[in-house]
Amino acid sequence: MPMTIFLPLWSMSRSTQTWRRAIALTLLSSSLTASVIPVAIATPSPLVLSQRSQADDWIADLLMARLLDEDGEISSLVLQLDIDEKPQTSYANVVYQLFAKVDNRWTAVYTNVGARLIGASAGGALLPPEVIPLSEIVDALDQAGIERSDWSTLEMRALAQVRYDTRDRRDQSVAWEQEAVYGQIAQSLTSQIVMEASRTTTVTSRQGGTVQAGTVQAGTATETRSDVTTLEPLLEDGFTPSNQLNPHRGHFNLGILQPSNTLSEVIARVSLKSKRPQSYLGERFIGDFKYSINQRSQFIRGLNPGDRVVVRLFDTAGTFLGYSEFELLDDNAAVNLILSDNPWQDGLVRTVYGIDGDRNGTIDQSAAIYDYFTAVRYRSQDYRDSSVTFLRTTRGINLQSFQVSSLRQLQLDCLYPSSFQTGNFALVNRTVSAFGVSGAEAIVAAPGSLTQITTVSSSTTFVTYEVSRLLLTHQAVGFSDNVIVTSCDRDCVDHGDDDWDWDDDWDDDDDWGDGDDDDDDDDDDDGD
């Protein structure tokens, strides 16, 4: 219910404008907070409001969110233009405007001051957010003589207009427009509302004809200023893809397969570990997705080559079936997770993936293929105590139970990306906790208990999910608070070079290679 505020009569004569401004700010800040559905369990679609537009070789999203301060009060509106693709330009800048609809007419309440330049390179660019304090919106309405008592239903329009020159054309423009009701705009704890991996951006300020170069981190609040910010589409050092201009880098489609359909549906819990030069960010929950067996869907945006995606599989009763982890590639990838006829017993998942450049759900014929097995084992009746091992070979596995006609024939040795084989983040022949995360409740909770399960549509075309959107939707319960500096952060047991094999007889003998049933020993070669 909207907050009701009573004013003393004596205040109206002296401080009417001050009171109006205070009331408006209170209503803007508190609107819908008393009865709003928590972000973590709400349906994703209305929370992040964006519009994808393609015109004149530009592809971009304009996103909007309400920014919360340290006290949980709404302090600002944030606009952010996320460019997937742009042409080579000799000059380009973006102007942000915000309008409010009062008495069936749009009134301008904000236009940015100072240039917001966009780098010349073709490709993608994640621009810094434009942060608009609510006080500026209230002041603009006051100056227009507009009073407002119910901010929750106020219609707002955001506009991002890009003006640019190319080698062949001058004075071109393209715009993205977004309309939203104030009370339905997503709330965010950070001004960086596009959940991309952090990028280094070049800052160029022109003062008296000189050029000074420096670096800033995308994602900090943008202040109103008269200097010039140039944004180039750069990626983290150490895992730059072979084609930086490929807009499909890091994207993937995911299929859950089973040679014999003993399962009709399966729940895939998908999460992301974003790559940093010497570490990974803690897992961030993307969502729980209910697939029909042999169904496939597409995941785009908010992903980069070198990031890792974790998929935990459950049946519809909530039984934990298996675990997979894979590394994202320089181009769109087709990822296949194959379960046996009896996944409840063997706990095995076969992961097969490679580049799918034409995005048809099939690994390209010329692509390198990664093909490996993971095995989970319960330590107790609680699935959260289970562990997962990345098998070196397929010895001891009934290969026929995992053979799919559309995929390569199984071999003795598993094929892993190089980062899974060597270095601090190697996983081959290691056992780690399957739920060893800190702070991300949605990753360890039973399916459907904390967040909604998204049913993948049975349409003939791939359903596409925007990862940046879903990360923001589940931010309150889906972000792990740790930074991963080694794969052995998660109770790692390294089986060494002893040609350790998987034995799927499911008895109590030494399947796990450490001589006993307790994986919580001190046999951690990498330490902390």
Protein backbone atom coordinates (compact mmCIF):
# COMPACT_ATOMS: atom_id res chain seq x y z
CA MET A 1 0.00 0.00 0.00
CA PRO A 2 1.46 3.44 -0.89
CA MET A 3 2.70 5.44 2.07
CA THR A 4 0.39 8.26 3.25
CA ILE A 5 2.02 11.40 4.63
CA PHE A 6 0.15 14.17 6.46
CA LEU A 7 1.58 17.70 6.42
CA PRO A 8 1.03 20.30 9.12
CA LEU A 9 -0.90 23.27 7.75
CA TRP A 10 1.72 25.76 8.92
CA SER A 11 4.33 24.24 6.64
CA MET A 12 2.54 25.04 3.43
CA SER A 13 3.14 28.78 3.55
CA ARG A 14 6.92 28.79 4.04
CA SER A 15 8.44 25.58 2.78
CA THR A 16 5.97 24.15 0.32
CA GLN A 17 8.59 23.36 -2.30
CA THR A 18 10.94 21.78 0.23
CA TRP A 19 8.14 19.60 1.59
CA ARG A 20 7.04 18.58 -1.88
CA ARG A 21 10.57 17.54 -2.70
CA ALA A 22 10.91 15.54 0.53
CA ILE A 23 7.56 13.82 -0.01
CA ALA A 24 8.39 12.99 -3.61
CA LEU A 25 11.76 11.53 -2.67
CA THR A 26 10.15 9.47 0.10
CA LEU A 27 7.52 8.10 -2.27
CA LEU A 28 10.07 7.39 -5.00
CA SER A 29 12.30 5.60 -2.51
CA SER A 30 9.61 3.61 -0.72
CA SER A 31 7.30 2.86 -3.63
CA LEU A 32 6.26 -0.80 -3.63
CA THR A 33 8.86 -1.77 -1.00
CA ALA A 34 6.23 -2.89 1.49
CA SER A 35 4.63 -5.51 -0.72
CA VAL A 36 7.10 -6.15 -3.51
CA ILE A 37 7.85 -9.79 -4.33
CA PRO A 38 11.48 -10.54 -3.38
CA VAL A 39 13.79 -10.36 -6.38
CA ALA A 40 15.03 -13.88 -5.78
CA ILE A 41 11.67 -15.56 -6.29
CA ALA A 42 9.97 -13.26 -8.76
CA THR A 43 9.43 -14.19 -12.39
CA PRO A 44 12.54 -12.98 -14.27
CA SER A 45 10.86 -11.32 -17.26
CA PRO A 46 9.44 -8.13 -15.71
CA LEU A 47 12.39 -7.41 -13.45
CA VAL A 48 15.06 -6.32 -15.91
CA LEU A 49 13.56 -4.10 -18.54
CA SER A 50 15.55 -3.87 -21.73
CA GLN A 51 15.05 -3.46 -25.42
CA ARG A 52 17.23 -5.03 -28.06
CA SER A 53 17.47 -3.06 -31.26
CA GLN A 54 19.33 -3.60 -34.50
CA ALA A 55 19.74 -0.72 -36.93
CA ASP A 56 22.52 0.44 -39.23
CA ASP A 57 24.81 -2.41 -38.15
CA TRP A 58 24.30 -1.61 -34.43
CA ILE A 59 22.97 -4.24 -32.00
CA ALA A 60 22.48 -3.14 -28.40
CA ASP A 61 20.36 -3.32 -25.26
CA LEU A 62 19.25 -0.36 -23.16
CA LEU A 63 18.74 -1.48 -19.54
CA MET A 64 17.24 0.33 -16.57
CA ALA A 65 17.28 -0.34 -12.81
CA ARG A 66 16.57 1.35 -9.47
CA LEU A 67 19.76 1.60 -7.41
CA LEU A 68 19.63 0.80 -3.69
CA ASP A 69 21.90 2.58 -1.22
CA GLU A 70 23.57 1.05 1.86
CA ASP A 71 20.33 1.38 3.83
CA GLY A 72 18.32 -0.46 1.20
CA GLU A 73 16.57 2.73 0.04
CA ILE A 74 16.22 3.59 -3.64
CA SER A 75 18.59 6.48 -4.37
CA SER A 76 18.94 6.65 -8.15
CA LEU A 77 17.88 5.33 -11.52
CA VAL A 78 20.58 3.63 -13.62
CA LEU A 79 20.67 3.43 -17.42
CA GLN A 80 23.24 1.30 -19.23
CA LEU A 81 23.74 0.72 -22.95
CA ASP A 82 25.27 -2.68 -23.69
CA ILE A 83 26.51 -2.84 -27.28
CA ASP A 84 26.80 -6.27 -28.87
CA GLU A 85 27.89 -5.07 -32.28
CA LYS A 86 28.83 -1.75 -33.86
CA PRO A 87 30.56 -0.68 -37.09
CA GLN A 88 34.01 0.88 -37.32
CA THR A 89 33.50 4.56 -36.53
CA SER A 90 35.63 7.69 -36.74
CA TYR A 91 33.48 9.33 -34.07
CA ALA A 92 30.62 8.14 -31.85
CA ASN A 93 28.97 9.37 -28.66
CA VAL A 94 25.83 8.52 -26.72
CA VAL A 95 23.36 10.93 -25.07
CA TYR A 96 21.08 9.64 -22.32
CA GLN A 97 17.67 11.21 -21.67
CA LEU A 98 14.91 10.36 -19.20
CA PHE A 99 11.25 11.41 -19.45
CA ALA A 100 8.26 11.12 -17.11
CA LYS A 101 4.68 10.90 -18.36
CA VAL A 102 2.36 13.28 -16.55
CA ASP A 103 -1.12 14.25 -17.77
CA ASN A 104 -0.55 12.19 -20.94
CA ARG A 105 2.53 14.14 -22.00
CA TRP A 106 6.21 13.29 -21.74
CA THR A 107 8.30 15.73 -19.71
CA ALA A 108 12.10 15.65 -19.87
CA VAL A 109 13.59 15.14 -16.39
CA TYR A 110 17.22 14.37 -17.25
CA THR A 111 19.76 14.83 -20.06
CA ASN A 112 23.41 13.99 -19.43
CA VAL A 113 26.02 16.74 -19.51
CA GLY A 114 29.39 16.03 -21.13
CA ALA A 115 30.35 13.66 -23.90
CA ARG A 116 30.04 9.90 -23.50
CA LEU A 117 32.30 8.79 -26.34
CA ILE A 118 32.33 5.25 -27.72
CA GLY A 119 35.53 3.68 -29.04
CA ALA A 120 36.18 3.51 -32.76
CA SER A 121 36.69 -0.26 -33.06
CA ALA A 122 34.05 -2.49 -34.60
CA GLY A 123 32.59 -5.10 -32.28
CA GLY A 124 31.06 -4.90 -28.83
CA ALA A 125 31.40 -2.43 -25.97
CA LEU A 126 29.99 -2.38 -22.45
CA LEU A 127 29.47 1.28 -21.57
CA PRO A 128 29.64 2.55 -18.00
CA PRO A 129 26.26 3.00 -16.29
CA GLU A 130 24.59 6.41 -16.27
CA VAL A 131 23.48 7.07 -12.68
CA ILE A 132 20.62 9.58 -12.25
CA PRO A 133 19.91 10.65 -8.64
CA LEU A 134 16.22 10.70 -7.74
CA SER A 135 16.69 14.22 -6.40
CA GLU A 136 17.39 15.44 -9.95
CA ILE A 137 14.17 13.85 -11.21
CA VAL A 138 12.17 15.48 -8.41
CA ASP A 139 13.79 18.88 -9.02
CA ALA A 140 13.01 18.68 -12.74
CA LEU A 141 9.33 17.92 -12.03
CA ASP A 142 9.18 20.74 -9.50
CA GLN A 143 10.59 23.19 -12.02
CA ALA A 144 7.92 22.07 -14.49
CA GLY A 145 5.25 22.71 -11.86
CA ILE A 146 4.27 19.03 -11.71
CA GLU A 147 3.07 17.49 -8.46
CA ARG A 148 2.97 13.73 -8.01
CA SER A 149 1.43 11.67 -5.21
CA ASP A 150 1.64 8.10 -6.58
CA TRP A 151 5.11 7.39 -7.89
CA SER A 152 4.59 3.62 -8.14
CA THR A 153 2.49 4.04 -11.32
CA LEU A 154 4.58 6.80 -12.89
CA GLU A 155 5.43 5.94 -16.50
CA MET A 156 9.03 6.63 -17.49
CA ARG A 157 10.85 6.58 -20.79
CA ALA A 158 14.60 6.21 -21.21
CA LEU A 159 16.36 7.15 -24.43
CA ALA A 160 19.94 6.46 -25.52
CA GLN A 161 20.81 8.17 -28.79
CA VAL A 162 24.10 7.47 -30.53
CA ARG A 163 25.48 9.94 -33.05
CA TYR A 164 28.38 8.73 -35.15
CA ASP A 165 30.53 9.10 -38.25
CA THR A 166 32.00 6.33 -40.38
CA ARG A 167 34.50 6.47 -43.21
CA ASP A 168 31.68 6.71 -45.78
CA ARG A 169 28.90 8.44 -43.83
CA ARG A 170 28.70 11.43 -41.52
CA ASP A 171 26.13 12.67 -39.01
CA GLN A 172 24.44 9.30 -38.58
CA SER A 173 22.29 8.43 -35.57
CA VAL A 174 20.64 5.42 -33.99
CA ALA A 175 18.56 5.30 -30.81
CA TRP A 176 17.27 2.81 -28.24
CA GLU A 177 14.15 3.61 -26.27
CA GLN A 178 12.76 1.97 -23.15
CA GLU A 179 9.47 2.54 -21.35
CA ALA A 180 8.68 1.24 -17.86
CA VAL A 181 6.43 1.87 -14.90
CA TYR A 182 8.58 3.12 -12.02
CA GLY A 183 7.30 0.57 -9.52
CA GLN A 184 8.12 -2.36 -11.84
CA ILE A 185 11.74 -1.43 -12.59
CA ALA A 186 14.33 -3.86 -11.24
CA GLN A 187 16.15 -3.03 -8.03
CA SER A 188 19.93 -3.40 -7.94
CA LEU A 189 22.61 -3.16 -5.27
CA THR A 190 25.20 -2.11 -7.84
CA SER A 191 25.22 0.44 -10.65
CA GLN A 192 26.75 -2.19 -12.95
CA ILE A 193 23.40 -3.63 -14.07
CA VAL A 194 24.79 -5.51 -17.08
CA MET A 195 26.41 -8.57 -15.54
CA GLU A 196 29.41 -8.87 -17.80
CA ALA A 197 32.89 -9.84 -16.64
CA SER A 198 34.83 -6.75 -15.61
CA ARG A 199 36.54 -5.08 -18.56
CA THR A 200 39.39 -2.61 -18.67
CA THR A 201 38.45 0.55 -20.54
CA THR A 202 40.60 3.35 -21.86
CA VAL A 203 39.95 6.90 -20.67
CA THR A 204 41.01 9.79 -22.83
CA SER A 205 40.53 13.34 -21.56
CA ARG A 206 41.12 16.26 -23.89
CA GLN A 207 42.29 19.38 -22.08
CA GLY A 208 43.76 22.25 -24.04
CA GLY A 209 44.42 20.05 -27.04
CA THR A 210 46.49 17.50 -25.14
CA VAL A 211 45.58 13.86 -24.69
CA GLN A 212 46.05 12.06 -21.36
CA ALA A 213 45.54 8.30 -21.26
CA GLY A 214 44.65 6.19 -18.26
CA THR A 215 42.43 3.29 -17.25
CA VAL A 216 39.17 2.95 -15.37
CA GLN A 217 37.12 -0.07 -14.40
CA ALA A 218 33.75 -0.41 -16.11
CA GLY A 219 30.98 -0.59 -13.60
CA THR A 220 31.66 2.41 -11.36
CA ALA A 221 29.05 5.14 -11.16
CA THR A 222 29.44 7.75 -13.90
CA GLU A 223 29.59 11.32 -12.65
CA THR A 224 28.35 14.29 -14.65
CA ARG A 225 31.47 15.81 -16.14
CA SER A 226 32.78 17.56 -19.20
CA ASP A 227 35.73 15.33 -20.01
CA VAL A 228 35.65 12.54 -22.55
CA THR A 229 35.50 8.80 -21.90
CA THR A 230 36.54 6.46 -24.73
CA LEU A 231 35.41 2.86 -24.41
CA GLU A 232 37.11 0.14 -26.40
CA PRO A 233 35.76 -3.45 -26.54
CA LEU A 234 38.63 -5.07 -24.63
CA LEU A 235 38.76 -8.39 -22.77
CA GLU A 236 40.82 -9.61 -19.83
CA ASP A 237 44.46 -10.38 -20.55
CA GLY A 238 45.30 -14.06 -20.63
CA PHE A 239 42.23 -15.45 -22.37
CA THR A 240 41.56 -13.12 -25.28
CA PRO A 241 39.70 -15.07 -27.98
CA SER A 242 41.11 -15.55 -31.44
CA ASN A 243 38.42 -13.25 -32.85
CA GLN A 244 37.70 -10.35 -30.52
CA LEU A 245 34.94 -9.09 -32.78
CA ASN A 246 32.87 -12.27 -32.64
CA PRO A 247 29.59 -11.30 -30.93
CA HIS A 248 28.89 -14.96 -30.08
CA ARG A 249 32.07 -15.52 -28.05
CA GLY A 250 31.32 -17.37 -24.81
CA HIS A 251 27.73 -18.19 -25.79
CA PHE A 252 26.53 -21.78 -25.66
CA ASN A 253 23.52 -24.00 -26.23
CA LEU A 254 22.86 -26.77 -23.74
CA GLY A 255 21.20 -30.12 -24.38
CA ILE A 256 20.38 -32.84 -21.84
CA LEU A 257 20.45 -36.26 -23.51
CA GLN A 258 19.79 -39.88 -22.59
CA PRO A 259 20.11 -42.85 -24.99
CA SER A 260 17.04 -44.54 -23.47
CA ASN A 261 14.46 -42.23 -22.00
CA THR A 262 14.08 -43.55 -18.47
CA LEU A 263 13.71 -39.89 -17.49
CA SER A 264 11.09 -37.73 -19.13
CA GLU A 265 12.34 -34.50 -17.56
CA VAL A 266 15.39 -33.30 -15.69
CA ILE A 267 16.25 -30.09 -13.83
CA ALA A 268 19.52 -28.39 -14.79
CA ARG A 269 20.89 -25.94 -12.22
CA VAL A 270 23.18 -23.59 -14.17
CA SER A 271 25.75 -21.27 -12.58
CA LEU A 272 28.70 -19.19 -13.77
CA LYS A 273 32.30 -18.71 -12.62
CA SER A 274 33.72 -15.64 -14.39
CA LYS A 275 37.42 -15.77 -15.29
CA ARG A 276 39.92 -13.30 -13.92
CA PRO A 277 43.63 -13.21 -14.81
CA GLN A 278 44.68 -15.24 -11.74
CA SER A 279 41.36 -16.43 -10.32
CA TYR A 280 37.65 -16.92 -10.86
CA LEU A 281 34.81 -15.05 -9.24
CA GLY A 282 32.72 -17.19 -6.92
CA GLU A 283 29.80 -19.00 -8.52
CA ARG A 284 26.78 -16.94 -9.51
CA PHE A 285 23.41 -18.62 -9.92
CA ILE A 286 21.84 -18.34 -13.39
CA GLY A 287 18.75 -20.48 -12.78
CA ASP A 288 17.06 -23.86 -12.52
CA PHE A 289 15.73 -25.07 -15.89
CA LYS A 290 13.40 -28.02 -16.41
CA TYR A 291 14.29 -29.78 -19.64
CA SER A 292 12.53 -32.56 -21.44
CA ILE A 293 15.11 -35.20 -22.27
CA ASN A 294 16.89 -34.46 -25.58
CA GLN A 295 15.79 -30.81 -25.42
CA ARG A 296 18.13 -27.87 -25.97
CA SER A 297 18.23 -24.15 -25.13
CA GLN A 298 20.58 -21.23 -25.78
CA PHE A 299 22.46 -19.04 -23.26
CA ILE A 300 23.85 -15.68 -24.34
CA ARG A 301 25.23 -12.41 -22.94
CA GLY A 302 27.18 -11.91 -19.74
CA LEU A 303 29.56 -14.69 -20.85
CA ASN A 304 33.18 -14.63 -21.98
CA PRO A 305 35.71 -17.19 -23.26
CA GLY A 306 37.55 -18.76 -20.35
CA ASP A 307 34.59 -18.49 -17.98
CA ARG A 308 33.40 -21.79 -16.52
CA VAL A 309 29.79 -22.94 -16.34
CA VAL A 310 28.65 -25.46 -13.74
CA VAL A 311 25.55 -27.62 -14.30
CA ARG A 312 24.09 -29.73 -11.48
CA LEU A 313 21.40 -32.17 -12.57
CA PHE A 314 18.37 -33.23 -10.51
CA ASP A 315 15.32 -35.33 -11.26
CA THR A 316 11.92 -33.69 -10.81
CA ALA A 317 11.66 -35.13 -7.28
CA GLY A 318 14.81 -33.22 -6.29
CA THR A 319 17.26 -36.14 -6.29
CA PHE A 320 20.77 -35.02 -7.22
CA LEU A 321 21.86 -36.99 -10.30
CA GLY A 322 25.11 -35.54 -11.57
CA TYR A 323 27.51 -32.68 -12.07
CA SER A 324 29.27 -31.11 -15.05
CA GLU A 325 31.64 -28.20 -15.47
CA PHE A 326 32.91 -26.82 -18.78
CA GLU A 327 34.92 -23.90 -20.10
CA LEU A 328 33.41 -21.39 -22.54
CA LEU A 329 34.99 -21.02 -25.97
CA ASP A 330 35.99 -18.34 -28.48
CA ASP A 331 32.77 -18.91 -30.41
CA ASN A 332 29.31 -20.25 -29.63
CA ALA A 333 29.53 -23.81 -28.27
CA ALA A 334 27.19 -26.81 -28.43
CA VAL A 335 27.25 -28.53 -25.02
CA ASN A 336 25.77 -32.00 -24.53
CA LEU A 337 25.26 -33.63 -21.13
CA ILE A 338 24.46 -37.35 -21.38
CA LEU A 339 22.92 -39.41 -18.57
CA SER A 340 22.83 -43.20 -18.48
CA ASP A 341 19.66 -45.28 -18.22
CA ASN A 342 20.14 -45.44 -14.45
CA PRO A 343 21.64 -42.12 -13.29
CA TRP A 344 20.34 -42.65 -9.74
CA GLN A 345 22.79 -45.51 -9.31
CA ASP A 346 25.94 -44.59 -11.23
CA GLY A 347 26.02 -40.78 -10.68
CA LEU A 348 27.82 -40.37 -14.00
CA VAL A 349 27.53 -37.54 -16.53
CA ARG A 350 29.24 -37.52 -19.90
CA THR A 351 30.06 -34.00 -21.16
CA VAL A 352 30.68 -33.52 -24.88
CA TYR A 353 31.12 -30.06 -26.38
CA GLY A 354 32.82 -28.00 -29.06
CA ILE A 355 32.33 -24.91 -31.20
CA ASP A 356 28.97 -24.57 -32.93
CA GLY A 357 29.66 -21.59 -35.18
CA ASP A 358 26.39 -21.78 -37.11
CA ARG A 359 24.41 -22.17 -33.84
CA ASN A 360 22.36 -25.15 -35.01
CA GLY A 361 22.95 -27.25 -31.88
CA THR A 362 25.60 -29.48 -33.50
CA ILE A 363 29.36 -29.33 -32.97
CA ASP A 364 31.10 -28.15 -36.15
CA GLN A 365 32.87 -30.92 -38.06
CA SER A 366 36.25 -29.16 -37.95
CA ALA A 367 35.98 -28.20 -34.26
CA ALA A 368 38.07 -29.61 -31.43
CA ILE A 369 35.88 -31.79 -29.20
CA TYR A 370 36.07 -32.17 -25.44
CA ASP A 371 34.62 -35.41 -24.10
CA TYR A 372 34.86 -36.49 -20.46
CA PHE A 373 33.04 -38.02 -17.50
CA THR A 374 32.25 -36.80 -14.02
CA ALA A 375 31.08 -39.04 -11.19
CA VAL A 376 29.23 -37.99 -8.04
CA ARG A 377 29.01 -39.83 -4.78
CA TYR A 378 26.88 -39.12 -1.72
CA ARG A 379 28.79 -38.88 1.55
CA SER A 380 25.51 -38.90 3.51
CA GLN A 381 21.78 -38.80 2.90
CA ASP A 382 22.10 -35.05 2.28
CA TYR A 383 22.91 -34.37 -1.38
CA ARG A 384 24.79 -31.21 -0.32
CA ASP A 385 27.50 -33.43 1.16
CA SER A 386 28.18 -35.15 -2.16
CA SER A 387 31.45 -34.89 -4.06
CA VAL A 388 32.36 -35.09 -7.74
CA THR A 389 35.35 -36.63 -9.49
CA PHE A 390 36.61 -35.69 -12.97
CA LEU A 391 37.60 -39.04 -14.44
CA ARG A 392 40.84 -39.52 -16.36
CA THR A 393 39.62 -42.51 -18.39
CA THR A 394 36.40 -44.31 -19.27
CA ARG A 395 37.72 -47.64 -17.94
CA GLY A 396 35.04 -49.47 -15.93
CA ILE A 397 32.14 -47.53 -17.51
CA ASN A 398 29.46 -49.20 -19.60
CA LEU A 399 30.05 -47.01 -22.65
CA GLN A 400 26.95 -48.21 -24.46
CA SER A 401 24.83 -46.48 -21.83
CA PHE A 402 26.28 -43.11 -22.89
CA GLN A 403 26.58 -43.52 -26.65
CA VAL A 404 24.47 -41.09 -28.70
CA SER A 405 24.41 -41.52 -32.48
CA SER A 406 24.94 -37.81 -33.17
CA LEU A 407 28.13 -37.68 -31.07
CA ARG A 408 31.63 -39.11 -31.44
CA GLN A 409 32.37 -42.66 -30.41
CA LEU A 410 33.68 -42.96 -26.87
CA GLN A 411 37.41 -43.52 -26.38
CA LEU A 412 39.45 -44.82 -23.46
CA ASP A 413 40.95 -41.45 -22.52
CA CYS A 414 38.79 -38.46 -21.61
CA LEU A 415 39.50 -35.21 -23.47
CA TYR A 416 39.59 -32.03 -21.34
CA PRO A 417 40.40 -28.36 -22.04
CA SER A 418 43.99 -27.55 -21.12
CA SER A 419 43.03 -25.50 -18.05
CA PHE A 420 41.31 -28.60 -16.62
CA GLN A 421 44.56 -30.59 -16.98
CA THR A 422 47.27 -28.29 -15.56
CA GLY A 423 47.62 -25.29 -13.30
CA ASN A 424 45.81 -24.11 -10.19
CA PHE A 425 42.41 -24.86 -11.68
CA ALA A 426 43.11 -28.37 -12.94
CA LEU A 427 40.33 -30.88 -12.23
CA VAL A 428 41.37 -34.07 -14.03
CA ASN A 429 41.65 -37.01 -11.63
CA ARG A 430 40.56 -34.86 -8.72
CA THR A 431 37.59 -35.07 -6.36
CA VAL A 432 35.99 -31.84 -5.13
CA SER A 433 32.86 -30.90 -3.21
CA ALA A 434 29.84 -30.75 -5.51
CA PHE A 435 28.26 -27.93 -3.48
CA GLY A 436 31.32 -26.22 -2.04
CA VAL A 437 30.08 -22.64 -2.40
CA SER A 438 29.78 -19.89 0.18
CA GLY A 439 26.95 -17.38 0.35
CA ALA A 440 24.95 -18.47 -2.70
CA GLU A 441 21.89 -20.08 -1.14
CA ALA A 442 20.20 -20.73 -4.48
CA ILE A 443 23.05 -23.04 -5.56
CA VAL A 444 22.65 -25.39 -2.60
CA ALA A 445 18.89 -25.17 -2.02
CA ALA A 446 16.50 -27.90 -3.17
CA PRO A 447 15.06 -27.15 -6.63
CA GLY A 448 11.95 -24.98 -6.36
CA SER A 449 12.39 -24.21 -2.66
CA LEU A 450 14.03 -20.80 -3.01
CA THR A 451 13.72 -19.79 -6.66
CA GLN A 452 11.29 -20.64 -9.39
CA ILE A 453 12.06 -23.43 -11.85
CA THR A 454 11.94 -22.26 -15.45
CA THR A 455 10.35 -24.77 -17.83
CA VAL A 456 12.17 -24.80 -21.15
CA SER A 457 9.62 -24.32 -23.92
CA SER A 458 9.04 -27.21 -26.30
CA SER A 459 9.09 -24.93 -29.37
CA THR A 460 10.93 -26.15 -32.45
CA THR A 461 13.53 -23.36 -32.13
CA PHE A 462 15.95 -22.91 -29.24
CA VAL A 463 14.65 -20.89 -26.34
CA THR A 464 17.22 -18.19 -25.59
CA TYR A 465 18.08 -17.03 -22.06
CA GLU A 466 20.06 -13.86 -21.34
CA VAL A 467 22.51 -14.71 -18.57
CA SER A 468 23.14 -11.08 -17.54
CA ARG A 469 19.41 -10.70 -16.90
CA LEU A 470 19.10 -13.86 -14.85
CA LEU A 471 22.18 -13.09 -12.76
CA LEU A 472 20.65 -9.78 -11.79
CA THR A 473 17.29 -11.39 -11.05
CA HIS A 474 18.83 -13.87 -8.60
CA GLN A 475 21.49 -11.56 -7.21
CA ALA A 476 20.11 -11.51 -3.64
CA VAL A 477 20.44 -15.28 -3.15
CA GLY A 478 22.66 -16.37 -6.02
CA PHE A 479 26.07 -14.74 -5.56
CA SER A 480 28.86 -16.65 -3.83
CA ASP A 481 31.01 -14.34 -1.73
CA ASN A 482 34.35 -16.05 -2.30
CA VAL A 483 36.99 -15.65 -5.01
CA ILE A 484 38.32 -18.96 -6.37
CA VAL A 485 42.12 -19.10 -6.47
CA THR A 486 42.45 -22.88 -6.92
CA SER A 487 40.15 -25.78 -7.69
CA CYS A 488 41.23 -27.25 -4.36
CA ASP A 489 39.28 -24.60 -2.50
CA ARG A 490 36.54 -27.24 -2.45
CA ASP A 491 37.89 -30.12 -0.31
CA CYS A 492 40.10 -31.28 -3.15
CA VAL A 493 41.45 -34.84 -3.21
CA ASP A 494 44.16 -35.30 -5.84
CA HIS A 495 44.41 -38.90 -7.00
CA GLY A 496 47.90 -38.33 -8.42
CA ASP A 497 49.40 -40.30 -11.31
CA ASP A 498 48.28 -43.75 -10.23
CA ASP A 499 45.99 -44.44 -13.21
CA TRP A 500 42.99 -44.29 -10.89
CA ASP A 501 39.85 -45.71 -12.47
CA TRP A 502 36.13 -45.49 -11.91
CA ASP A 503 34.39 -48.60 -10.60
CA ASP A 504 30.62 -48.31 -10.92
CA ASP A 505 29.65 -51.31 -8.82
CA TRP A 506 28.35 -48.85 -6.16
CA ASP A 507 29.69 -50.86 -3.25
CA ASP A 508 31.79 -49.70 -0.34
CA ASP A 509 35.20 -50.59 -1.71
CA ASP A 510 37.83 -48.02 -2.60
CA ASP A 511 36.17 -46.43 -5.63
CA TRP A 512 37.42 -43.03 -4.54
CA GLY A 513 41.09 -43.82 -4.45
CA ASP A 514 41.95 -42.52 -0.97
CA GLY A 515 41.73 -45.76 0.97
CA ASP A 516 38.68 -44.95 3.09
CA ASP A 517 35.21 -43.53 2.99
CA ASP A 518 36.15 -40.13 4.36
CA ASP A 519 37.20 -37.61 1.76
CA ASP A 520 37.69 -34.97 4.46
CA ASP A 521 41.27 -35.92 5.15
CA ASP A 522 44.34 -33.76 4.85
CA ASP A 523 45.43 -35.22 1.52
CA ASP A 524 45.26 -31.85 -0.19
CA ASP A 525 48.28 -31.45 -2.39
CA ASP A 526 47.61 -27.82 -3.17
CA GLY A 527 46.73 -26.69 0.34
CA ASP A 528 44.93 -23.45 0.86
